[in-house]
Amino acid sequence: VPFDFYSYHYYAIHTANPKNIYEIQDYVRSRLDKHGF
């Protein structure tokens, strides 16, 4: 399927912690890379 970007939303409603973006982005990026994206 055509696929040039993956988009997600993030509001800090659980932790108020901006550093969570490392956990989130690492999770998404690892799944993309796993499938050759």
Full PDB file with SEQRES, HELIX, SHEET, SSBOND, CRYST1, ORIGX, SCALE, CONECT and MASTER records, all heavy atoms in Angstrom:
SEQRES   1 A   37  VAL PRO PHE ASP PHE TYR SER TYR HIS TYR TYR ALA ILE          
SEQRES   2 A   37  HIS THR ALA ASN PRO LYS ASN ILE TYR GLU ILE GLN ASP          
SEQRES   3 A   37  TYR VAL ARG SER ARG LEU ASP LYS HIS GLY PHE                  
HELIX    1 AA1 ASN A   20  LYS A   34  1                                  15    
CRYST1    1.000    1.000    1.000  90.00  90.00  90.00 P 1           1          
ORIGX1      1.000000  0.000000  0.000000        0.00000                         
ORIGX2      0.000000  1.000000  0.000000        0.00000                         
ORIGX3      0.000000  0.000000  1.000000        0.00000                         
SCALE1      1.000000  0.000000  0.000000        0.00000                         
SCALE2      0.000000  1.000000  0.000000        0.00000                         
SCALE3      0.000000  0.000000  1.000000        0.00000                         
ATOM      1  N   VAL A   1       0.847  -1.193   0.000  1.00  0.00           N  
ATOM      2  CA  VAL A   1       0.000   0.000   0.000  1.00  0.00           C  
ATOM      3  C   VAL A   1       0.884   1.245   0.000  1.00  0.00           C  
ATOM      4  O   VAL A   1       1.928   1.264   0.655  1.00  0.00           O  
ATOM      5  CB  VAL A   1      -0.910  -0.001   1.252  1.00  0.00           C  
ATOM      6  CG1 VAL A   1      -1.865   1.189   1.231  1.00  0.00           C  
ATOM      7  CG2 VAL A   1      -1.701  -1.312   1.324  1.00  0.00           C  
ATOM      8  N   PRO A   2       0.502   2.305  -0.715  1.00  0.00           N  
ATOM      9  CA  PRO A   2       1.279   3.561  -0.661  1.00  0.00           C  
ATOM     10  C   PRO A   2       1.428   4.058   0.777  1.00  0.00           C  
ATOM     11  O   PRO A   2       0.463   4.087   1.540  1.00  0.00           O  
ATOM     12  CB  PRO A   2       0.427   4.522  -1.498  1.00  0.00           C  
ATOM     13  CG  PRO A   2      -0.308   3.639  -2.461  1.00  0.00           C  
ATOM     14  CD  PRO A   2      -0.602   2.383  -1.691  1.00  0.00           C  
ATOM     15  N   PHE A   3       2.641   4.462   1.115  1.00  0.00           N  
ATOM     16  CA  PHE A   3       2.923   4.774   2.513  1.00  0.00           C  
ATOM     17  C   PHE A   3       4.196   5.606   2.578  1.00  0.00           C  
ATOM     18  O   PHE A   3       5.293   5.082   2.464  1.00  0.00           O  
ATOM     19  CB  PHE A   3       3.093   3.465   3.285  1.00  0.00           C  
ATOM     20  CG  PHE A   3       3.212   3.608   4.775  1.00  0.00           C  
ATOM     21  CD1 PHE A   3       2.392   4.458   5.488  1.00  0.00           C  
ATOM     22  CD2 PHE A   3       4.156   2.861   5.474  1.00  0.00           C  
ATOM     23  CE1 PHE A   3       2.497   4.562   6.875  1.00  0.00           C  
ATOM     24  CE2 PHE A   3       4.273   2.950   6.851  1.00  0.00           C  
ATOM     25  CZ  PHE A   3       3.444   3.812   7.550  1.00  0.00           C  
ATOM     26  N   ASP A   4       4.044   6.925   2.735  1.00  0.00           N  
ATOM     27  CA  ASP A   4       5.193   7.829   2.770  1.00  0.00           C  
ATOM     28  C   ASP A   4       5.472   8.385   4.154  1.00  0.00           C  
ATOM     29  O   ASP A   4       6.588   8.822   4.431  1.00  0.00           O  
ATOM     30  CB  ASP A   4       4.961   8.997   1.804  1.00  0.00           C  
ATOM     31  CG  ASP A   4       4.802   8.513   0.372  1.00  0.00           C  
ATOM     32  OD1 ASP A   4       5.752   7.905  -0.151  1.00  0.00           O  
ATOM     33  OD2 ASP A   4       3.723   8.739  -0.215  1.00  0.00           O  
ATOM     34  N   PHE A   5       4.462   8.425   5.024  1.00  0.00           N  
ATOM     35  CA  PHE A   5       4.684   8.890   6.395  1.00  0.00           C  
ATOM     36  C   PHE A   5       3.670   8.239   7.326  1.00  0.00           C  
ATOM     37  O   PHE A   5       2.573   7.874   6.922  1.00  0.00           O  
ATOM     38  CB  PHE A   5       4.608  10.421   6.498  1.00  0.00           C  
ATOM     39  CG  PHE A   5       3.277  11.022   6.132  1.00  0.00           C  
ATOM     40  CD1 PHE A   5       2.265  11.153   7.077  1.00  0.00           C  
ATOM     41  CD2 PHE A   5       3.038  11.472   4.842  1.00  0.00           C  
ATOM     42  CE1 PHE A   5       1.040  11.716   6.746  1.00  0.00           C  
ATOM     43  CE2 PHE A   5       1.819  12.041   4.501  1.00  0.00           C  
ATOM     44  CZ  PHE A   5       0.820  12.153   5.455  1.00  0.00           C  
ATOM     45  N   TYR A   6       4.105   8.066   8.561  1.00  0.00           N  
ATOM     46  CA  TYR A   6       3.200   7.608   9.613  1.00  0.00           C  
ATOM     47  C   TYR A   6       2.975   8.777  10.557  1.00  0.00           C  
ATOM     48  O   TYR A   6       3.929   9.425  10.994  1.00  0.00           O  
ATOM     49  CB  TYR A   6       3.793   6.429  10.388  1.00  0.00           C  
ATOM     50  CG  TYR A   6       2.837   5.912  11.453  1.00  0.00           C  
ATOM     51  CD1 TYR A   6       1.907   4.941  11.138  1.00  0.00           C  
ATOM     52  CD2 TYR A   6       2.855   6.422  12.740  1.00  0.00           C  
ATOM     53  CE1 TYR A   6       1.003   4.473  12.096  1.00  0.00           C  
ATOM     54  CE2 TYR A   6       1.970   5.978  13.702  1.00  0.00           C  
ATOM     55  CZ  TYR A   6       1.042   5.003  13.368  1.00  0.00           C  
ATOM     56  OH  TYR A   6       0.141   4.572  14.305  1.00  0.00           O  
ATOM     57  N   SER A   7       1.710   9.055  10.872  1.00  0.00           N  
ATOM     58  CA  SER A   7       1.423  10.194  11.738  1.00  0.00           C  
ATOM     59  C   SER A   7       0.733   9.739  13.016  1.00  0.00           C  
ATOM     60  O   SER A   7      -0.050   8.789  13.012  1.00  0.00           O  
ATOM     61  CB  SER A   7       0.553  11.221  11.010  1.00  0.00           C  
ATOM     62  OG  SER A   7      -0.772  10.751  10.860  1.00  0.00           O  
ATOM     63  N   TYR A   8       1.069  10.425  14.084  1.00  0.00           N  
ATOM     64  CA  TYR A   8       0.413  10.165  15.357  1.00  0.00           C  
ATOM     65  C   TYR A   8       0.237  11.463  16.120  1.00  0.00           C  
ATOM     66  O   TYR A   8       0.768  12.512  15.733  1.00  0.00           O  
ATOM     67  CB  TYR A   8       1.187   9.130  16.171  1.00  0.00           C  
ATOM     68  CG  TYR A   8       2.607   9.476  16.539  1.00  0.00           C  
ATOM     69  CD1 TYR A   8       2.915  10.180  17.698  1.00  0.00           C  
ATOM     70  CD2 TYR A   8       3.676   9.063  15.731  1.00  0.00           C  
ATOM     71  CE1 TYR A   8       4.225  10.473  18.047  1.00  0.00           C  
ATOM     72  CE2 TYR A   8       4.992   9.358  16.072  1.00  0.00           C  
ATOM     73  CZ  TYR A   8       5.256  10.062  17.225  1.00  0.00           C  
ATOM     74  OH  TYR A   8       6.548  10.350  17.564  1.00  0.00           O  
ATOM     75  N   HIS A   9      -0.550  11.406  17.181  1.00  0.00           N  
ATOM     76  CA  HIS A   9      -0.806  12.572  18.032  1.00  0.00           C  
ATOM     77  C   HIS A   9      -0.201  12.323  19.402  1.00  0.00           C  
ATOM     78  O   HIS A   9      -0.073  11.187  19.836  1.00  0.00           O  
ATOM     79  CB  HIS A   9      -2.311  12.820  18.170  1.00  0.00           C  
ATOM     80  CG  HIS A   9      -2.993  13.128  16.878  1.00  0.00           C  
ATOM     81  ND1 HIS A   9      -4.369  13.157  16.730  1.00  0.00           N  
ATOM     82  CD2 HIS A   9      -2.479  13.431  15.648  1.00  0.00           C  
ATOM     83  CE1 HIS A   9      -4.673  13.466  15.479  1.00  0.00           C  
ATOM     84  NE2 HIS A   9      -3.550  13.624  14.804  1.00  0.00           N  
ATOM     85  N   TYR A  10       0.162  13.420  20.061  1.00  0.00           N  
ATOM     86  CA  TYR A  10       0.637  13.249  21.434  1.00  0.00           C  
ATOM     87  C   TYR A  10       0.285  14.456  22.295  1.00  0.00           C  
ATOM     88  O   TYR A  10       0.731  15.571  22.037  1.00  0.00           O  
ATOM     89  CB  TYR A  10       2.145  13.015  21.499  1.00  0.00           C  
ATOM     90  CG  TYR A  10       2.591  12.809  22.932  1.00  0.00           C  
ATOM     91  CD1 TYR A  10       2.129  11.714  23.656  1.00  0.00           C  
ATOM     92  CD2 TYR A  10       3.396  13.729  23.577  1.00  0.00           C  
ATOM     93  CE1 TYR A  10       2.480  11.524  24.975  1.00  0.00           C  
ATOM     94  CE2 TYR A  10       3.754  13.546  24.903  1.00  0.00           C  
ATOM     95  CZ  TYR A  10       3.287  12.448  25.596  1.00  0.00           C  
ATOM     96  OH  TYR A  10       3.615  12.265  26.909  1.00  0.00           O  
ATOM     97  N   TYR A  11      -0.521  14.204  23.292  1.00  0.00           N  
ATOM     98  CA  TYR A  11      -0.802  15.159  24.355  1.00  0.00           C  
ATOM     99  C   TYR A  11      -0.280  14.544  25.647  1.00  0.00           C  
ATOM    100  O   TYR A  11      -0.479  13.357  25.901  1.00  0.00           O  
ATOM    101  CB  TYR A  11      -2.299  15.437  24.472  1.00  0.00           C  
ATOM    102  CG  TYR A  11      -2.884  16.082  23.236  1.00  0.00           C  
ATOM    103  CD1 TYR A  11      -3.421  15.315  22.200  1.00  0.00           C  
ATOM    104  CD2 TYR A  11      -2.908  17.465  23.096  1.00  0.00           C  
ATOM    105  CE1 TYR A  11      -3.956  15.897  21.073  1.00  0.00           C  
ATOM    106  CE2 TYR A  11      -3.442  18.063  21.970  1.00  0.00           C  
ATOM    107  CZ  TYR A  11      -3.968  17.271  20.955  1.00  0.00           C  
ATOM    108  OH  TYR A  11      -4.495  17.862  19.835  1.00  0.00           O  
ATOM    109  N   ALA A  12       0.348  15.348  26.476  1.00  0.00           N  
ATOM    110  CA  ALA A  12       1.041  14.816  27.655  1.00  0.00           C  
ATOM    111  C   ALA A  12       0.083  14.612  28.831  1.00  0.00           C  
ATOM    112  O   ALA A  12       0.374  14.981  29.962  1.00  0.00           O  
ATOM    113  CB  ALA A  12       2.176  15.750  28.052  1.00  0.00           C  
ATOM    114  N   ILE A  13      -1.065  13.989  28.570  1.00  0.00           N  
ATOM    115  CA  ILE A  13      -2.127  13.925  29.574  1.00  0.00           C  
ATOM    116  C   ILE A  13      -1.874  12.879  30.659  1.00  0.00           C  
ATOM    117  O   ILE A  13      -2.620  12.822  31.634  1.00  0.00           O  
ATOM    118  CB  ILE A  13      -3.488  13.662  28.911  1.00  0.00           C  
ATOM    119  CG1 ILE A  13      -3.467  12.358  28.106  1.00  0.00           C  
ATOM    120  CG2 ILE A  13      -3.888  14.839  28.028  1.00  0.00           C  
ATOM    121  CD1 ILE A  13      -4.810  11.981  27.519  1.00  0.00           C  
ATOM    122  N   HIS A  14      -0.851  12.054  30.506  1.00  0.00           N  
ATOM    123  CA  HIS A  14      -0.543  11.065  31.534  1.00  0.00           C  
ATOM    124  C   HIS A  14       0.611  11.485  32.431  1.00  0.00           C  
ATOM    125  O   HIS A  14       0.561  11.279  33.645  1.00  0.00           O  
ATOM    126  CB  HIS A  14      -0.234   9.706  30.898  1.00  0.00           C  
ATOM    127  CG  HIS A  14      -1.415   9.051  30.265  1.00  0.00           C  
ATOM    128  ND1 HIS A  14      -1.640   9.074  28.909  1.00  0.00           N  
ATOM    129  CD2 HIS A  14      -2.455   8.365  30.805  1.00  0.00           C  
ATOM    130  CE1 HIS A  14      -2.757   8.425  28.637  1.00  0.00           C  
ATOM    131  NE2 HIS A  14      -3.268   7.990  29.760  1.00  0.00           N  
ATOM    132  N   THR A  15       1.648  12.060  31.862  1.00  0.00           N  
ATOM    133  CA  THR A  15       2.872  12.300  32.623  1.00  0.00           C  
ATOM    134  C   THR A  15       3.330  13.755  32.632  1.00  0.00           C  
ATOM    135  O   THR A  15       4.189  14.102  33.450  1.00  0.00           O  
ATOM    136  CB  THR A  15       4.028  11.462  32.062  1.00  0.00           C  
ATOM    137  OG1 THR A  15       4.368  11.959  30.754  1.00  0.00           O  
ATOM    138  CG2 THR A  15       3.654   9.989  31.972  1.00  0.00           C  
ATOM    139  N   ALA A  16       2.853  14.574  31.703  1.00  0.00           N  
ATOM    140  CA  ALA A  16       3.338  15.961  31.532  1.00  0.00           C  
ATOM    141  C   ALA A  16       4.825  16.004  31.206  1.00  0.00           C  
ATOM    142  O   ALA A  16       5.478  17.028  31.397  1.00  0.00           O  
ATOM    143  CB  ALA A  16       3.052  16.802  32.779  1.00  0.00           C  
ATOM    144  N   ASN A  17       5.367  14.912  30.686  1.00  0.00           N  
ATOM    145  CA  ASN A  17       6.810  14.768  30.502  1.00  0.00           C  
ATOM    146  C   ASN A  17       7.186  14.866  29.025  1.00  0.00           C  
ATOM    147  O   ASN A  17       6.879  13.954  28.250  1.00  0.00           O  
ATOM    148  CB  ASN A  17       7.259  13.415  31.071  1.00  0.00           C  
ATOM    149  CG  ASN A  17       8.757  13.195  30.934  1.00  0.00           C  
ATOM    150  OD1 ASN A  17       9.507  14.105  30.594  1.00  0.00           O  
ATOM    151  ND2 ASN A  17       9.199  11.976  31.204  1.00  0.00           N  
ATOM    152  N   PRO A  18       7.863  15.935  28.587  1.00  0.00           N  
ATOM    153  CA  PRO A  18       8.238  16.045  27.172  1.00  0.00           C  
ATOM    154  C   PRO A  18       9.247  14.994  26.731  1.00  0.00           C  
ATOM    155  O   PRO A  18       9.358  14.709  25.542  1.00  0.00           O  
ATOM    156  CB  PRO A  18       8.828  17.453  27.077  1.00  0.00           C  
ATOM    157  CG  PRO A  18       9.286  17.779  28.460  1.00  0.00           C  
ATOM    158  CD  PRO A  18       8.314  17.106  29.378  1.00  0.00           C  
ATOM    159  N   LYS A  19       9.975  14.412  27.684  1.00  0.00           N  
ATOM    160  CA  LYS A  19      10.971  13.409  27.316  1.00  0.00           C  
ATOM    161  C   LYS A  19      10.337  12.085  26.880  1.00  0.00           C  
ATOM    162  O   LYS A  19      11.023  11.219  26.335  1.00  0.00           O  
ATOM    163  CB  LYS A  19      11.915  13.164  28.496  1.00  0.00           C  
ATOM    164  CG  LYS A  19      12.720  14.396  28.896  1.00  0.00           C  
ATOM    165  CD  LYS A  19      13.556  14.145  30.141  1.00  0.00           C  
ATOM    166  CE  LYS A  19      14.238  15.420  30.625  1.00  0.00           C  
ATOM    167  NZ  LYS A  19      14.986  15.209  31.890  1.00  0.00           N  
ATOM    168  N   ASN A  20       9.030  11.917  27.087  1.00  0.00           N  
ATOM    169  CA  ASN A  20       8.345  10.712  26.621  1.00  0.00           C  
ATOM    170  C   ASN A  20       8.457  10.522  25.121  1.00  0.00           C  
ATOM    171  O   ASN A  20       8.279   9.414  24.612  1.00  0.00           O  
ATOM    172  CB  ASN A  20       6.870  10.743  27.006  1.00  0.00           C  
ATOM    173  CG  ASN A  20       6.599  10.502  28.471  1.00  0.00           C  
ATOM    174  OD1 ASN A  20       5.660  11.039  29.032  1.00  0.00           O  
ATOM    175  ND2 ASN A  20       7.433   9.687  29.119  1.00  0.00           N  
ATOM    176  N   ILE A  21       8.741  11.619  24.388  1.00  0.00           N  
ATOM    177  CA  ILE A  21       8.819  11.507  22.941  1.00  0.00           C  
ATOM    178  C   ILE A  21       9.909  10.533  22.508  1.00  0.00           C  
ATOM    179  O   ILE A  21       9.815   9.911  21.451  1.00  0.00           O  
ATOM    180  CB  ILE A  21       9.022  12.891  22.297  1.00  0.00           C  
ATOM    181  CG1 ILE A  21       8.824  12.815  20.783  1.00  0.00           C  
ATOM    182  CG2 ILE A  21      10.368  13.474  22.654  1.00  0.00           C  
ATOM    183  CD1 ILE A  21       7.480  12.303  20.355  1.00  0.00           C  
ATOM    184  N   TYR A  22      10.942  10.353  23.327  1.00  0.00           N  
ATOM    185  CA  TYR A  22      11.979   9.375  22.981  1.00  0.00           C  
ATOM    186  C   TYR A  22      11.412   7.960  23.008  1.00  0.00           C  
ATOM    187  O   TYR A  22      11.687   7.147  22.111  1.00  0.00           O  
ATOM    188  CB  TYR A  22      13.165   9.491  23.941  1.00  0.00           C  
ATOM    189  CG  TYR A  22      13.946  10.760  23.803  1.00  0.00           C  
ATOM    190  CD1 TYR A  22      13.818  11.778  24.737  1.00  0.00           C  
ATOM    191  CD2 TYR A  22      14.820  10.963  22.740  1.00  0.00           C  
ATOM    192  CE1 TYR A  22      14.531  12.955  24.621  1.00  0.00           C  
ATOM    193  CE2 TYR A  22      15.538  12.138  22.605  1.00  0.00           C  
ATOM    194  CZ  TYR A  22      15.385  13.128  23.550  1.00  0.00           C  
ATOM    195  OH  TYR A  22      16.099  14.300  23.416  1.00  0.00           O  
ATOM    196  N   GLU A  23      10.627   7.635  24.029  1.00  0.00           N  
ATOM    197  CA  GLU A  23      10.003   6.310  24.119  1.00  0.00           C  
ATOM    198  C   GLU A  23       9.049   6.085  22.949  1.00  0.00           C  
ATOM    199  O   GLU A  23       9.060   5.023  22.311  1.00  0.00           O  
ATOM    200  CB  GLU A  23       9.215   6.184  25.421  1.00  0.00           C  
ATOM    201  CG  GLU A  23      10.001   6.376  26.693  1.00  0.00           C  
ATOM    202  CD  GLU A  23       9.071   6.488  27.889  1.00  0.00           C  
ATOM    203  OE1 GLU A  23       8.528   5.444  28.308  1.00  0.00           O  
ATOM    204  OE2 GLU A  23       8.871   7.618  28.392  1.00  0.00           O  
ATOM    205  N   ILE A  24       8.217   7.081  22.684  1.00  0.00           N  
ATOM    206  CA  ILE A  24       7.191   6.949  21.651  1.00  0.00           C  
ATOM    207  C   ILE A  24       7.825   6.832  20.269  1.00  0.00           C  
ATOM    208  O   ILE A  24       7.505   5.928  19.494  1.00  0.00           O  
ATOM    209  CB  ILE A  24       6.240   8.152  21.698  1.00  0.00           C  
ATOM    210  CG1 ILE A  24       5.509   8.194  23.037  1.00  0.00           C  
ATOM    211  CG2 ILE A  24       5.248   8.105  20.555  1.00  0.00           C  
ATOM    212  CD1 ILE A  24       4.760   9.485  23.284  1.00  0.00           C  
ATOM    213  N   GLN A  25       8.725   7.753  19.950  1.00  0.00           N  
ATOM    214  CA  GLN A  25       9.334   7.767  18.626  1.00  0.00           C  
ATOM    215  C   GLN A  25      10.167   6.514  18.394  1.00  0.00           C  
ATOM    216  O   GLN A  25      10.173   5.957  17.286  1.00  0.00           O  
ATOM    217  CB  GLN A  25      10.183   9.029  18.458  1.00  0.00           C  
ATOM    218  CG  GLN A  25      10.888   9.148  17.124  1.00  0.00           C  
ATOM    219  CD  GLN A  25       9.949   9.274  15.947  1.00  0.00           C  
ATOM    220  OE1 GLN A  25       8.764   9.538  16.107  1.00  0.00           O  
ATOM    221  NE2 GLN A  25      10.465   9.067  14.749  1.00  0.00           N  
ATOM    222  N   ASP A  26      10.863   6.041  19.409  1.00  0.00           N  
ATOM    223  CA  ASP A  26      11.641   4.817  19.274  1.00  0.00           C  
ATOM    224  C   ASP A  26      10.741   3.627  18.968  1.00  0.00           C  
ATOM    225  O   ASP A  26      11.087   2.768  18.148  1.00  0.00           O  
ATOM    226  CB  ASP A  26      12.440   4.560  20.551  1.00  0.00           C  
ATOM    227  CG  ASP A  26      13.284   3.299  20.454  1.00  0.00           C  
ATOM    228  OD1 ASP A  26      14.252   3.291  19.666  1.00  0.00           O  
ATOM    229  OD2 ASP A  26      12.975   2.315  21.164  1.00  0.00           O  
ATOM    230  N   TYR A  27       9.583   3.590  19.620  1.00  0.00           N  
ATOM    231  CA  TYR A  27       8.634   2.496  19.369  1.00  0.00           C  
ATOM    232  C   TYR A  27       8.141   2.522  17.922  1.00  0.00           C  
ATOM    233  O   TYR A  27       8.170   1.500  17.220  1.00  0.00           O  
ATOM    234  CB  TYR A  27       7.457   2.610  20.340  1.00  0.00           C  
ATOM    235  CG  TYR A  27       6.296   1.695  20.031  1.00  0.00           C  
ATOM    236  CD1 TYR A  27       6.425   0.317  20.142  1.00  0.00           C  
ATOM    237  CD2 TYR A  27       5.070   2.214  19.624  1.00  0.00           C  
ATOM    238  CE1 TYR A  27       5.362  -0.526  19.859  1.00  0.00           C  
ATOM    239  CE2 TYR A  27       4.011   1.388  19.342  1.00  0.00           C  
ATOM    240  CZ  TYR A  27       4.148   0.020  19.460  1.00  0.00           C  
ATOM    241  OH  TYR A  27       3.094  -0.811  19.167  1.00  0.00           O  
ATOM    242  N   VAL A  28       7.703   3.691  17.445  1.00  0.00           N  
ATOM    243  CA  VAL A  28       7.183   3.795  16.084  1.00  0.00           C  
ATOM    244  C   VAL A  28       8.282   3.545  15.065  1.00  0.00           C  
ATOM    245  O   VAL A  28       8.119   2.772  14.117  1.00  0.00           O  
ATOM    246  CB  VAL A  28       6.547   5.180  15.860  1.00  0.00           C  
ATOM    247  CG1 VAL A  28       6.129   5.350  14.401  1.00  0.00           C  
ATOM    248  CG2 VAL A  28       5.337   5.365  16.774  1.00  0.00           C  
ATOM    249  N   ARG A  29       9.442   4.177  15.267  1.00  0.00           N  
ATOM    250  CA  ARG A  29      10.532   4.040  14.312  1.00  0.00           C  
ATOM    251  C   ARG A  29      11.016   2.594  14.204  1.00  0.00           C  
ATOM    252  O   ARG A  29      11.318   2.100  13.101  1.00  0.00           O  
ATOM    253  CB  ARG A  29      11.681   4.951  14.747  1.00  0.00           C  
ATOM    254  CG  ARG A  29      12.873   5.034  13.797  1.00  0.00           C  
ATOM    255  CD  ARG A  29      12.554   5.908  12.608  1.00  0.00           C  
ATOM    256  NE  ARG A  29      12.156   5.131  11.438  1.00  0.00           N  
ATOM    257  CZ  ARG A  29      11.628   5.677  10.361  1.00  0.00           C  
ATOM    258  NH1 ARG A  29      11.407   6.976  10.292  1.00  0.00           N  
ATOM    259  NH2 ARG A  29      11.294   4.917   9.329  1.00  0.00           N  
ATOM    260  N   SER A  30      11.070   1.894  15.330  1.00  0.00           N  
ATOM    261  CA  SER A  30      11.539   0.509  15.305  1.00  0.00           C  
ATOM    262  C   SER A  30      10.590  -0.377  14.508  1.00  0.00           C  
ATOM    263  O   SER A  30      11.033  -1.298  13.807  1.00  0.00           O  
ATOM    264  CB  SER A  30      11.691  -0.032  16.734  1.00  0.00           C  
ATOM    265  OG  SER A  30      10.432  -0.121  17.392  1.00  0.00           O  
ATOM    266  N   ARG A  31       9.292  -0.108  14.578  1.00  0.00           N  
ATOM    267  CA  ARG A  31       8.314  -0.909  13.818  1.00  0.00           C  
ATOM    268  C   ARG A  31       8.407  -0.600  12.327  1.00  0.00           C  
ATOM    269  O   ARG A  31       8.281  -1.496  11.496  1.00  0.00           O  
ATOM    270  CB  ARG A  31       6.897  -0.640  14.324  1.00  0.00           C  
ATOM    271  CG  ARG A  31       6.436  -1.543  15.456  1.00  0.00           C  
ATOM    272  CD  ARG A  31       7.395  -1.583  16.596  1.00  0.00           C  
ATOM    273  NE  ARG A  31       6.984  -2.448  17.701  1.00  0.00           N  
ATOM    274  CZ  ARG A  31       7.667  -2.588  18.812  1.00  0.00           C  
ATOM    275  NH1 ARG A  31       8.819  -1.929  18.976  1.00  0.00           N  
ATOM    276  NH2 ARG A  31       7.253  -3.389  19.771  1.00  0.00           N  
ATOM    277  N   LEU A  32       8.614   0.648  11.993  1.00  0.00           N  
ATOM    278  CA  LEU A  32       8.785   0.997  10.584  1.00  0.00           C  
ATOM    279  C   LEU A  32      10.037   0.347  10.012  1.00  0.00           C  
ATOM    280  O   LEU A  32      10.010  -0.241   8.920  1.00  0.00           O  
ATOM    281  CB  LEU A  32       8.861   2.520  10.435  1.00  0.00           C  
ATOM    282  CG  LEU A  32       7.573   3.308  10.698  1.00  0.00           C  
ATOM    283  CD1 LEU A  32       7.872   4.796  10.765  1.00  0.00           C  
ATOM    284  CD2 LEU A  32       6.534   3.018   9.631  1.00  0.00           C  
ATOM    285  N   ASP A  33      11.138   0.458  10.735  1.00  0.00           N  
ATOM    286  CA  ASP A  33      12.395  -0.117  10.254  1.00  0.00           C  
ATOM    287  C   ASP A  33      12.319  -1.630  10.146  1.00  0.00           C  
ATOM    288  O   ASP A  33      12.895  -2.225   9.224  1.00  0.00           O  
ATOM    289  CB  ASP A  33      13.541   0.289  11.188  1.00  0.00           C  
ATOM    290  CG  ASP A  33      13.836   1.784  11.141  1.00  0.00           C  
ATOM    291  OD1 ASP A  33      13.317   2.465  10.236  1.00  0.00           O  
ATOM    292  OD2 ASP A  33      14.577   2.265  12.011  1.00  0.00           O  
ATOM    293  N   LYS A  34      11.620  -2.256  11.071  1.00  0.00           N  
ATOM    294  CA  LYS A  34      11.475  -3.718  11.066  1.00  0.00           C  
ATOM    295  C   LYS A  34      10.892  -4.213   9.751  1.00  0.00           C  
ATOM    296  O   LYS A  34      11.261  -5.284   9.247  1.00  0.00           O  
ATOM    297  CB  LYS A  34      10.588  -4.147  12.231  1.00  0.00           C  
ATOM    298  CG  LYS A  34      10.212  -5.615  12.243  1.00  0.00           C  
ATOM    299  CD  LYS A  34       9.251  -5.915  13.383  1.00  0.00           C  
ATOM    300  CE  LYS A  34       8.757  -7.360  13.341  1.00  0.00           C  
ATOM    301  NZ  LYS A  34       7.780  -7.628  14.442  1.00  0.00           N  
ATOM    302  N   HIS A  35       9.983  -3.434   9.174  1.00  0.00           N  
ATOM    303  CA  HIS A  35       9.319  -3.834   7.929  1.00  0.00           C  
ATOM    304  C   HIS A  35       9.925  -3.177   6.699  1.00  0.00           C  
ATOM    305  O   HIS A  35       9.320  -3.193   5.619  1.00  0.00           O  
ATOM    306  CB  HIS A  35       7.826  -3.514   8.019  1.00  0.00           C  
ATOM    307  CG  HIS A  35       7.089  -4.351   9.026  1.00  0.00           C  
ATOM    308  ND1 HIS A  35       6.771  -5.681   8.821  1.00  0.00           N  
ATOM    309  CD2 HIS A  35       6.630  -4.048  10.274  1.00  0.00           C  
ATOM    310  CE1 HIS A  35       6.137  -6.153   9.879  1.00  0.00           C  
ATOM    311  NE2 HIS A  35       6.042  -5.197  10.769  1.00  0.00           N  
ATOM    312  N   GLY A  36      11.115  -2.621   6.845  1.00  0.00           N  
ATOM    313  CA  GLY A  36      11.820  -2.072   5.702  1.00  0.00           C  
ATOM    314  C   GLY A  36      11.395  -0.678   5.301  1.00  0.00           C  
ATOM    315  O   GLY A  36      11.664  -0.235   4.173  1.00  0.00           O  
ATOM    316  N   PHE A  37      10.744   0.059   6.192  1.00  0.00           N  
ATOM    317  CA  PHE A  37      10.267   1.404   5.888  1.00  0.00           C  
ATOM    318  C   PHE A  37      11.201   2.468   6.465  1.00  0.00           C  
ATOM    319  O   PHE A  37      10.759   3.430   7.087  1.00  0.00           O  
ATOM    320  CB  PHE A  37       8.848   1.598   6.427  1.00  0.00           C  
ATOM    321  CG  PHE A  37       7.798   0.823   5.683  1.00  0.00           C  
ATOM    322  CD1 PHE A  37       6.948  -0.032   6.368  1.00  0.00           C  
ATOM    323  CD2 PHE A  37       7.647   0.948   4.317  1.00  0.00           C  
ATOM    324  CE1 PHE A  37       5.963  -0.743   5.707  1.00  0.00           C  
ATOM    325  CE2 PHE A  37       6.665   0.234   3.627  1.00  0.00           C  
ATOM    326  CZ  PHE A  37       5.824  -0.610   4.325  1.00  0.00           C  
TER     327      PHE A  37                                                      
MASTER        0    0    0    1    0    0    0    6  326    1    0    3          
END                                                                             
